[in-house]
């Protein structure tokens, strides 16, 4: 259903910042934390007109780290909760919106507040 996860240039910069602050080596791990942080918020993530030029792409299998079915099911449930059709396009939009919101959320936190991420 999802082959690649696309990130904007701003999200790429947030990943660089989070990598430096947490010591986590791989972007996919940070992205998983960001997605879950956003999904934990009951409000729908804002749908923005994102520009992916100079951004980053991660293969779904790398992003999901062997838990592709679990993450996909979480996204499908969230898509349904937001009263959207569970089409590939809508699920991809929910992933993109929540991932970007989660990265913004994590990047805006103080170092001490995100240090727990490095231990996971």
Protein backbone atom coordinates (compact mmCIF):
# COMPACT_ATOMS: atom_id res chain seq x y z
CA UNK A 1 0.00 0.00 0.00
CA UNK A 2 2.79 2.44 0.91
CA UNK A 3 6.13 2.08 -0.83
CA UNK A 4 7.99 5.26 0.16
CA UNK A 5 7.69 7.81 2.94
CA UNK A 6 8.33 11.34 1.70
CA UNK A 7 9.60 14.16 3.88
CA UNK A 8 9.98 17.85 3.16
CA UNK A 9 13.26 19.76 3.38
CA UNK A 10 12.07 21.26 6.69
CA UNK A 11 11.38 17.78 8.07
CA UNK A 12 14.84 16.69 6.93
CA UNK A 13 16.35 19.56 8.93
CA UNK A 14 14.27 18.56 11.95
CA UNK A 15 15.59 15.00 11.62
CA UNK A 16 19.16 16.30 11.54
CA UNK A 17 18.50 18.32 14.69
CA UNK A 18 16.83 15.40 16.47
CA UNK A 19 19.62 13.04 15.46
CA UNK A 20 22.17 15.40 16.97
CA UNK A 21 20.14 15.98 20.15
CA UNK A 22 19.19 12.35 20.81
CA UNK A 23 22.17 10.44 19.49
CA UNK A 24 19.85 8.17 17.50
CA UNK A 25 21.74 7.24 14.34
CA UNK A 26 18.93 6.37 11.93
CA UNK A 27 16.22 8.65 10.63
CA UNK A 28 13.68 5.84 10.39
CA UNK A 29 13.74 5.31 14.16
CA UNK A 30 13.20 9.01 14.82
CA UNK A 31 10.38 9.02 12.26
CA UNK A 32 8.64 6.13 14.03
CA UNK A 33 8.74 8.03 17.31
CA UNK A 34 7.44 11.15 15.57
CA UNK A 35 4.56 9.25 13.98
CA UNK A 36 3.50 7.70 17.29
CA UNK A 37 3.81 11.06 19.08
CA UNK A 38 1.41 12.59 16.57
CA UNK A 39 -0.99 9.64 16.52
CA UNK A 40 -1.17 9.93 20.31
CA UNK A 41 -2.79 13.35 19.87
CA UNK A 42 -6.53 12.82 19.24
CA UNK A 43 -6.81 15.91 17.02
CA UNK A 44 -6.36 15.38 13.29
CA UNK A 45 -3.02 16.55 11.95
CA UNK A 46 -3.31 19.59 9.71
CA UNK A 47 -3.35 18.85 6.01
CA UNK A 48 -0.79 21.11 4.41
CA UNK A 49 0.40 21.65 0.87
CA UNK A 50 3.83 20.15 1.45
CA UNK A 51 6.72 20.58 -0.97
CA UNK A 52 9.05 17.59 -1.11
CA UNK A 53 11.84 19.14 -3.19
CA UNK A 54 15.21 18.77 -1.42
CA UNK A 55 13.52 16.54 1.11
CA UNK A 56 14.09 12.92 1.92
CA UNK A 57 12.50 9.59 1.02
CA UNK A 58 12.59 6.45 3.11
CA UNK A 59 11.49 3.03 1.87
CA UNK A 60 8.42 1.82 3.75
CA UNK A 61 10.21 -1.38 4.81
CA UNK A 62 13.08 0.65 6.28
CA UNK A 63 10.69 3.08 7.94
CA UNK A 64 8.58 0.30 9.47
CA UNK A 65 11.55 -1.83 10.50
CA UNK A 66 9.75 -5.15 10.19
CA UNK A 67 6.52 -3.82 11.70
CA UNK A 68 4.95 -2.67 8.45
CA UNK A 69 1.62 -4.39 9.10
CA UNK A 70 1.38 -2.86 12.57
CA UNK A 71 2.10 0.67 11.38
CA UNK A 72 -0.22 0.25 8.40
CA UNK A 73 -3.02 -0.94 10.67
CA UNK A 74 -2.47 2.02 13.01
CA UNK A 75 -2.72 4.36 10.02
CA UNK A 76 -5.86 2.67 8.70
CA UNK A 77 -7.55 2.92 12.10
CA UNK A 78 -6.57 6.57 12.36
CA UNK A 79 -7.83 7.23 8.84
CA UNK A 80 -11.18 5.75 9.84
CA UNK A 81 -11.25 7.77 13.09
CA UNK A 82 -10.75 10.92 11.04
CA UNK A 83 -13.75 9.91 8.87
CA UNK A 84 -11.65 9.49 5.75
CA UNK A 85 -11.87 6.72 3.18
CA UNK A 86 -9.24 4.05 3.67
CA UNK A 87 -7.86 4.42 0.18
CA UNK A 88 -4.13 4.27 -0.44
CA UNK A 89 -4.07 8.02 -1.05
CA UNK A 90 -5.88 8.88 2.19
CA UNK A 91 -3.76 6.52 4.30
CA UNK A 92 -0.61 8.01 2.73
CA UNK A 93 -1.93 11.52 3.49
CA UNK A 94 -2.58 10.59 7.13
CA UNK A 95 0.95 9.16 7.39
CA UNK A 96 2.49 12.26 5.86
CA UNK A 97 0.48 14.72 7.96
CA UNK A 98 1.08 12.90 11.23
CA UNK A 99 4.75 12.28 10.53
CA UNK A 100 5.41 15.95 9.81
CA UNK A 101 3.39 17.07 12.85
CA UNK A 102 5.26 14.58 15.03
CA UNK A 103 8.65 15.77 13.80
CA UNK A 104 7.67 19.38 14.50
CA UNK A 105 6.47 18.36 17.94
CA UNK A 106 9.68 16.50 18.83
CA UNK A 107 11.98 19.15 17.35
CA UNK A 108 10.28 21.89 19.37
CA UNK A 109 10.84 20.15 22.70
CA UNK A 110 13.73 20.87 25.01
CA UNK A 111 16.67 18.47 25.10
CA UNK A 112 15.69 16.99 28.47
CA UNK A 113 12.16 16.33 27.29
CA UNK A 114 13.25 14.21 24.32
CA UNK A 115 16.19 12.45 25.93
CA UNK A 116 13.92 9.47 26.64
CA UNK A 117 13.83 8.78 22.90
CA UNK A 118 17.52 7.89 22.86
CA UNK A 119 16.91 5.10 25.36
CA UNK A 120 14.24 3.34 23.32
